[in-house]
Amino acid sequence: MLRHFEHQITLPGDVDPESVTASLDSGVLAVRLAKARSSQPRHIEISGPSARQSGRTIDDASGPG
């Protein structure tokens, strides 16, 4: 007998819908989601004379925008 199950949840943050995968093995559902590129952490170098002396950088987790 085939049964139907549906469950919806709201995910925090942005998810790249093209990278979502799901598998069902022995009754265990595994869903893998990747963050959208815009929400990935990025490394920003600070330019200017005083920044070069200290090698300052910013690690920004908020993405562009």
PDB file of N, CA and C in Angstrom:
ATOM      1  N   MET A   1       0.839  -1.166   0.000  1.00  0.00           N
ATOM      2  CA  MET A   1       0.000   0.000   0.000  1.00  0.00           C
ATOM      3  C   MET A   1       0.900   1.250   0.000  1.00  0.00           C
ATOM      4  N   LEU A   2       0.635   2.156  -0.906  1.00  0.00           N
ATOM      5  CA  LEU A   2       1.386   3.395  -1.032  1.00  0.00           C
ATOM      6  C   LEU A   2       0.716   4.469  -0.190  1.00  0.00           C
ATOM      7  N   ARG A   3       1.508   5.162   0.630  1.00  0.00           N
ATOM      8  CA  ARG A   3       0.962   6.220   1.474  1.00  0.00           C
ATOM      9  C   ARG A   3       1.573   7.551   1.084  1.00  0.00           C
ATOM     10  N   HIS A   4       0.860   8.605   1.355  1.00  0.00           N
ATOM     11  CA  HIS A   4       1.307   9.956   1.035  1.00  0.00           C
ATOM     12  C   HIS A   4       1.584  10.701   2.338  1.00  0.00           C
ATOM     13  N   PHE A   5       2.732  11.381   2.384  1.00  0.00           N
ATOM     14  CA  PHE A   5       3.085  12.189   3.544  1.00  0.00           C
ATOM     15  C   PHE A   5       3.575  13.544   3.052  1.00  0.00           C
ATOM     16  N   GLU A   6       3.140  14.600   3.686  1.00  0.00           N
ATOM     17  CA  GLU A   6       3.581  15.940   3.318  1.00  0.00           C
ATOM     18  C   GLU A   6       3.805  16.750   4.577  1.00  0.00           C
ATOM     19  N   HIS A   7       4.922  17.465   4.619  1.00  0.00           N
ATOM     20  CA  HIS A   7       5.240  18.339   5.752  1.00  0.00           C
ATOM     21  C   HIS A   7       5.977  19.549   5.210  1.00  0.00           C
ATOM     22  N   GLN A   8       5.576  20.737   5.610  1.00  0.00           N
ATOM     23  CA  GLN A   8       6.216  21.956   5.133  1.00  0.00           C
ATOM     24  C   GLN A   8       6.825  22.702   6.306  1.00  0.00           C
ATOM     25  N   ILE A   9       8.027  23.239   6.095  1.00  0.00           N
ATOM     26  CA  ILE A   9       8.674  24.063   7.109  1.00  0.00           C
ATOM     27  C   ILE A   9       9.233  25.311   6.436  1.00  0.00           C
ATOM     28  N   THR A  10       9.379  26.364   7.211  1.00  0.00           N
ATOM     29  CA  THR A  10      10.000  27.582   6.723  1.00  0.00           C
ATOM     30  C   THR A  10      11.462  27.549   7.123  1.00  0.00           C
ATOM     31  N   LEU A  11      12.343  27.721   6.150  1.00  0.00           N
ATOM     32  CA  LEU A  11      13.774  27.664   6.420  1.00  0.00           C
ATOM     33  C   LEU A  11      14.324  29.050   6.724  1.00  0.00           C
ATOM     34  N   PRO A  12      15.254  29.138   7.657  1.00  0.00           N
ATOM     35  CA  PRO A  12      15.878  30.427   7.922  1.00  0.00           C
ATOM     36  C   PRO A  12      16.880  30.759   6.816  1.00  0.00           C
ATOM     37  N   GLY A  13      16.967  32.010   6.419  1.00  0.00           N
ATOM     38  CA  GLY A  13      17.950  32.424   5.428  1.00  0.00           C
ATOM     39  C   GLY A  13      17.569  32.042   4.017  1.00  0.00           C
ATOM     40  N   ASP A  14      18.479  32.321   3.107  1.00  0.00           N
ATOM     41  CA  ASP A  14      18.263  32.044   1.686  1.00  0.00           C
ATOM     42  C   ASP A  14      18.836  30.688   1.312  1.00  0.00           C
ATOM     43  N   VAL A  15      18.069  29.929   0.550  1.00  0.00           N
ATOM     44  CA  VAL A  15      18.502  28.613   0.081  1.00  0.00           C
ATOM     45  C   VAL A  15      18.562  28.637  -1.435  1.00  0.00           C
ATOM     46  N   ASP A  16      19.590  28.017  -2.003  1.00  0.00           N
ATOM     47  CA  ASP A  16      19.714  27.892  -3.453  1.00  0.00           C
ATOM     48  C   ASP A  16      18.834  26.724  -3.894  1.00  0.00           C
ATOM     49  N   PRO A  17      17.700  26.983  -4.533  1.00  0.00           N
ATOM     50  CA  PRO A  17      16.776  25.900  -4.888  1.00  0.00           C
ATOM     51  C   PRO A  17      17.360  24.906  -5.883  1.00  0.00           C
ATOM     52  N   GLU A  18      18.349  25.311  -6.663  1.00  0.00           N
ATOM     53  CA  GLU A  18      18.963  24.408  -7.639  1.00  0.00           C
ATOM     54  C   GLU A  18      19.868  23.372  -6.975  1.00  0.00           C
ATOM     55  N   SER A  19      20.250  23.586  -5.726  1.00  0.00           N
ATOM     56  CA  SER A  19      21.170  22.669  -5.064  1.00  0.00           C
ATOM     57  C   SER A  19      20.492  21.758  -4.040  1.00  0.00           C
ATOM     58  N   VAL A  20      19.188  21.795  -3.939  1.00  0.00           N
ATOM     59  CA  VAL A  20      18.471  20.964  -2.973  1.00  0.00           C
ATOM     60  C   VAL A  20      18.451  19.517  -3.453  1.00  0.00           C
ATOM     61  N   THR A  21      18.824  18.607  -2.560  1.00  0.00           N
ATOM     62  CA  THR A  21      18.742  17.174  -2.866  1.00  0.00           C
ATOM     63  C   THR A  21      18.033  16.472  -1.708  1.00  0.00           C
ATOM     64  N   ALA A  22      17.373  15.386  -2.024  1.00  0.00           N
ATOM     65  CA  ALA A  22      16.691  14.601  -0.995  1.00  0.00           C
ATOM     66  C   ALA A  22      16.845  13.126  -1.327  1.00  0.00           C
ATOM     67  N   SER A  23      16.998  12.315  -0.281  1.00  0.00           N
ATOM     68  CA  SER A  23      17.083  10.867  -0.480  1.00  0.00           C
ATOM     69  C   SER A  23      16.317  10.165   0.630  1.00  0.00           C
ATOM     70  N   LEU A  24      15.802   8.988   0.318  1.00  0.00           N
ATOM     71  CA  LEU A  24      15.062   8.182   1.282  1.00  0.00           C
ATOM     72  C   LEU A  24      15.705   6.807   1.307  1.00  0.00           C
ATOM     73  N   ASP A  25      16.225   6.429   2.482  1.00  0.00           N
ATOM     74  CA  ASP A  25      16.907   5.153   2.615  1.00  0.00           C
ATOM     75  C   ASP A  25      16.476   4.497   3.922  1.00  0.00           C
ATOM     76  N   SER A  26      15.856   3.346   3.841  1.00  0.00           N
ATOM     77  CA  SER A  26      15.392   2.599   5.017  1.00  0.00           C
ATOM     78  C   SER A  26      14.501   3.442   5.922  1.00  0.00           C
ATOM     79  N   GLY A  27      13.654   4.246   5.318  1.00  0.00           N
ATOM     80  CA  GLY A  27      12.723   5.059   6.081  1.00  0.00           C
ATOM     81  C   GLY A  27      13.301   6.363   6.612  1.00  0.00           C
ATOM     82  N   VAL A  28      14.572   6.660   6.291  1.00  0.00           N
ATOM     83  CA  VAL A  28      15.196   7.897   6.758  1.00  0.00           C
ATOM     84  C   VAL A  28      15.273   8.880   5.594  1.00  0.00           C
ATOM     85  N   LEU A  29      14.635  10.020   5.763  1.00  0.00           N
ATOM     86  CA  LEU A  29      14.654  11.060   4.756  1.00  0.00           C
ATOM     87  C   LEU A  29      15.799  12.020   5.057  1.00  0.00           C
ATOM     88  N   ALA A  30      16.680  12.225   4.090  1.00  0.00           N
ATOM     89  CA  ALA A  30      17.790  13.172   4.239  1.00  0.00           C
ATOM     90  C   ALA A  30      17.615  14.262   3.188  1.00  0.00           C
ATOM     91  N   VAL A  31      17.567  15.503   3.646  1.00  0.00           N
ATOM     92  CA  VAL A  31      17.427  16.645   2.750  1.00  0.00           C
ATOM     93  C   VAL A  31      18.652  17.532   2.946  1.00  0.00           C
ATOM     94  N   ARG A  32      19.339  17.844   1.843  1.00  0.00           N
ATOM     95  CA  ARG A  32      20.527  18.695   1.904  1.00  0.00           C
ATOM     96  C   ARG A  32      20.232  19.996   1.171  1.00  0.00           C
ATOM     97  N   LEU A  33      20.543  21.106   1.839  1.00  0.00           N
ATOM     98  CA  LEU A  33      20.288  22.435   1.298  1.00  0.00           C
ATOM     99  C   LEU A  33      21.593  23.225   1.320  1.00  0.00           C
ATOM    100  N   ALA A  34      21.803  24.036   0.307  1.00  0.00           N
ATOM    101  CA  ALA A  34      22.970  24.911   0.276  1.00  0.00           C
ATOM    102  C   ALA A  34      22.498  26.354   0.375  1.00  0.00           C
ATOM    103  N   LYS A  35      23.295  27.163   1.045  1.00  0.00           N
ATOM    104  CA  LYS A  35      22.976  28.585   1.124  1.00  0.00           C
ATOM    105  C   LYS A  35      23.062  29.200  -0.256  1.00  0.00           C
ATOM    106  N   ALA A  36      22.202  30.166  -0.492  1.00  0.00           N
ATOM    107  CA  ALA A  36      22.283  30.929  -1.737  1.00  0.00           C
ATOM    108  C   ALA A  36      23.608  31.685  -1.740  1.00  0.00           C
ATOM    109  N   ARG A  37      24.143  31.899  -2.912  1.00  0.00           N
ATOM    110  CA  ARG A  37      25.443  32.556  -3.030  1.00  0.00           C
ATOM    111  C   ARG A  37      25.477  33.895  -2.294  1.00  0.00           C
ATOM    112  N   SER A  38      24.374  34.643  -2.326  1.00  0.00           N
ATOM    113  CA  SER A  38      24.342  35.956  -1.682  1.00  0.00           C
ATOM    114  C   SER A  38      24.455  35.870  -0.165  1.00  0.00           C
ATOM    115  N   SER A  39      24.172  34.720   0.438  1.00  0.00           N
ATOM    116  CA  SER A  39      24.254  34.606   1.893  1.00  0.00           C
ATOM    117  C   SER A  39      25.517  33.892   2.359  1.00  0.00           C
ATOM    118  N   GLN A  40      26.402  33.549   1.444  1.00  0.00           N
ATOM    119  CA  GLN A  40      27.669  32.921   1.799  1.00  0.00           C
ATOM    120  C   GLN A  40      28.605  33.953   2.427  1.00  0.00           C
ATOM    121  N   PRO A  41      29.380  33.572   3.436  1.00  0.00           N
ATOM    122  CA  PRO A  41      30.368  34.494   3.987  1.00  0.00           C
ATOM    123  C   PRO A  41      31.403  34.858   2.922  1.00  0.00           C
ATOM    124  N   ARG A  42      31.937  36.060   2.998  1.00  0.00           N
ATOM    125  CA  ARG A  42      32.947  36.471   2.042  1.00  0.00           C
ATOM    126  C   ARG A  42      34.026  37.266   2.750  1.00  0.00           C
ATOM    127  N   HIS A  43      35.184  37.349   2.156  1.00  0.00           N
ATOM    128  CA  HIS A  43      36.358  38.008   2.703  1.00  0.00           C
ATOM    129  C   HIS A  43      36.536  39.335   1.976  1.00  0.00           C
ATOM    130  N   ILE A  44      36.583  40.432   2.727  1.00  0.00           N
ATOM    131  CA  ILE A  44      36.716  41.756   2.132  1.00  0.00           C
ATOM    132  C   ILE A  44      38.023  42.374   2.598  1.00  0.00           C
ATOM    133  N   GLU A  45      38.872  42.751   1.660  1.00  0.00           N
ATOM    134  CA  GLU A  45      40.123  43.419   2.003  1.00  0.00           C
ATOM    135  C   GLU A  45      39.894  44.913   2.098  1.00  0.00           C
ATOM    136  N   ILE A  46      40.506  45.544   3.086  1.00  0.00           N
ATOM    137  CA  ILE A  46      40.380  46.978   3.290  1.00  0.00           C
ATOM    138  C   ILE A  46      41.554  47.658   2.611  1.00  0.00           C
ATOM    139  N   SER A  47      41.261  48.633   1.761  1.00  0.00           N
ATOM    140  CA  SER A  47      42.331  49.327   1.055  1.00  0.00           C
ATOM    141  C   SER A  47      42.631  50.660   1.725  1.00  0.00           C
ATOM    142  N   GLY A  48      43.789  51.206   1.433  1.00  0.00           N
ATOM    143  CA  GLY A  48      44.202  52.490   1.989  1.00  0.00           C
ATOM    144  C   GLY A  48      45.550  52.342   2.673  1.00  0.00           C
ATOM    145  N   PRO A  49      46.243  53.441   2.879  1.00  0.00           N
ATOM    146  CA  PRO A  49      47.593  53.387   3.441  1.00  0.00           C
ATOM    147  C   PRO A  49      47.662  52.724   4.818  1.00  0.00           C
ATOM    148  N   SER A  50      46.766  53.072   5.737  1.00  0.00           N
ATOM    149  CA  SER A  50      46.848  52.492   7.085  1.00  0.00           C
ATOM    150  C   SER A  50      46.408  51.030   7.097  1.00  0.00           C
ATOM    151  N   ALA A  51      45.523  50.629   6.185  1.00  0.00           N
ATOM    152  CA  ALA A  51      45.068  49.235   6.127  1.00  0.00           C
ATOM    153  C   ALA A  51      46.194  48.336   5.640  1.00  0.00           C
ATOM    154  N   ARG A  52      47.004  48.798   4.693  1.00  0.00           N
ATOM    155  CA  ARG A  52      48.106  47.986   4.171  1.00  0.00           C
ATOM    156  C   ARG A  52      49.151  47.702   5.243  1.00  0.00           C
ATOM    157  N   GLN A  53      49.371  48.649   6.123  1.00  0.00           N
ATOM    158  CA  GLN A  53      50.374  48.475   7.174  1.00  0.00           C
ATOM    159  C   GLN A  53      49.967  47.375   8.149  1.00  0.00           C
ATOM    160  N   SER A  54      48.690  47.295   8.466  1.00  0.00           N
ATOM    161  CA  SER A  54      48.251  46.320   9.460  1.00  0.00           C
ATOM    162  C   SER A  54      47.698  45.045   8.842  1.00  0.00           C
ATOM    163  N   GLY A  55      47.488  45.028   7.508  1.00  0.00           N
ATOM    164  CA  GLY A  55      46.926  43.843   6.851  1.00  0.00           C
ATOM    165  C   GLY A  55      45.490  43.577   7.265  1.00  0.00           C
ATOM    166  N   ARG A  56      44.701  44.611   7.469  1.00  0.00           N
ATOM    167  CA  ARG A  56      43.329  44.460   7.957  1.00  0.00           C
ATOM    168  C   ARG A  56      42.401  43.872   6.890  1.00  0.00           C
ATOM    169  N   THR A  57      41.484  43.044   7.369  1.00  0.00           N
ATOM    170  CA  THR A  57      40.443  42.465   6.512  1.00  0.00           C
ATOM    171  C   THR A  57      39.151  42.397   7.327  1.00  0.00           C
ATOM    172  N   ILE A  58      38.059  42.218   6.620  1.00  0.00           N
ATOM    173  CA  ILE A  58      36.755  42.014   7.253  1.00  0.00           C
ATOM    174  C   ILE A  58      36.181  40.709   6.707  1.00  0.00           C
ATOM    175  N   ASP A  59      35.710  39.861   7.596  1.00  0.00           N
ATOM    176  CA  ASP A  59      34.981  38.663   7.177  1.00  0.00           C
ATOM    177  C   ASP A  59      33.512  38.974   7.341  1.00  0.00           C
ATOM    178  N   ASP A  60      32.812  39.111   6.217  1.00  0.00           N
ATOM    179  CA  ASP A  60      31.417  39.551   6.188  1.00  0.00           C
ATOM    180  C   ASP A  60      30.509  38.353   5.960  1.00  0.00           C
ATOM    181  N   ALA A  61      29.647  38.038   6.924  1.00  0.00           N
ATOM    182  CA  ALA A  61      28.721  36.915   6.777  1.00  0.00           C
ATOM    183  C   ALA A  61      27.378  37.352   6.216  1.00  0.00           C
ATOM    184  N   SER A  62      27.175  38.645   6.007  1.00  0.00           N
ATOM    185  CA  SER A  62      25.870  39.108   5.544  1.00  0.00           C
ATOM    186  C   SER A  62      25.727  39.088   4.034  1.00  0.00           C
ATOM    187  N   GLY A  63      26.824  38.952   3.307  1.00  0.00           N
ATOM    188  CA  GLY A  63      26.752  38.917   1.846  1.00  0.00           C
ATOM    189  C   GLY A  63      26.619  40.293   1.268  1.00  0.00           C
ATOM    190  N   PRO A  64      26.570  40.393  -0.071  1.00  0.00           N
ATOM    191  CA  PRO A  64      26.477  41.699  -0.694  1.00  0.00           C
ATOM    192  C   PRO A  64      25.150  42.378  -0.440  1.00  0.00           C
ATOM    193  N   GLY A  65      25.181  43.682  -0.472  1.00  0.00           N
ATOM    194  CA  GLY A  65      23.914  44.373  -0.361  1.00  0.00           C
ATOM    195  C   GLY A  65      23.878  45.213   0.824  1.00  0.00           C
TER     196      GLY A  65
END
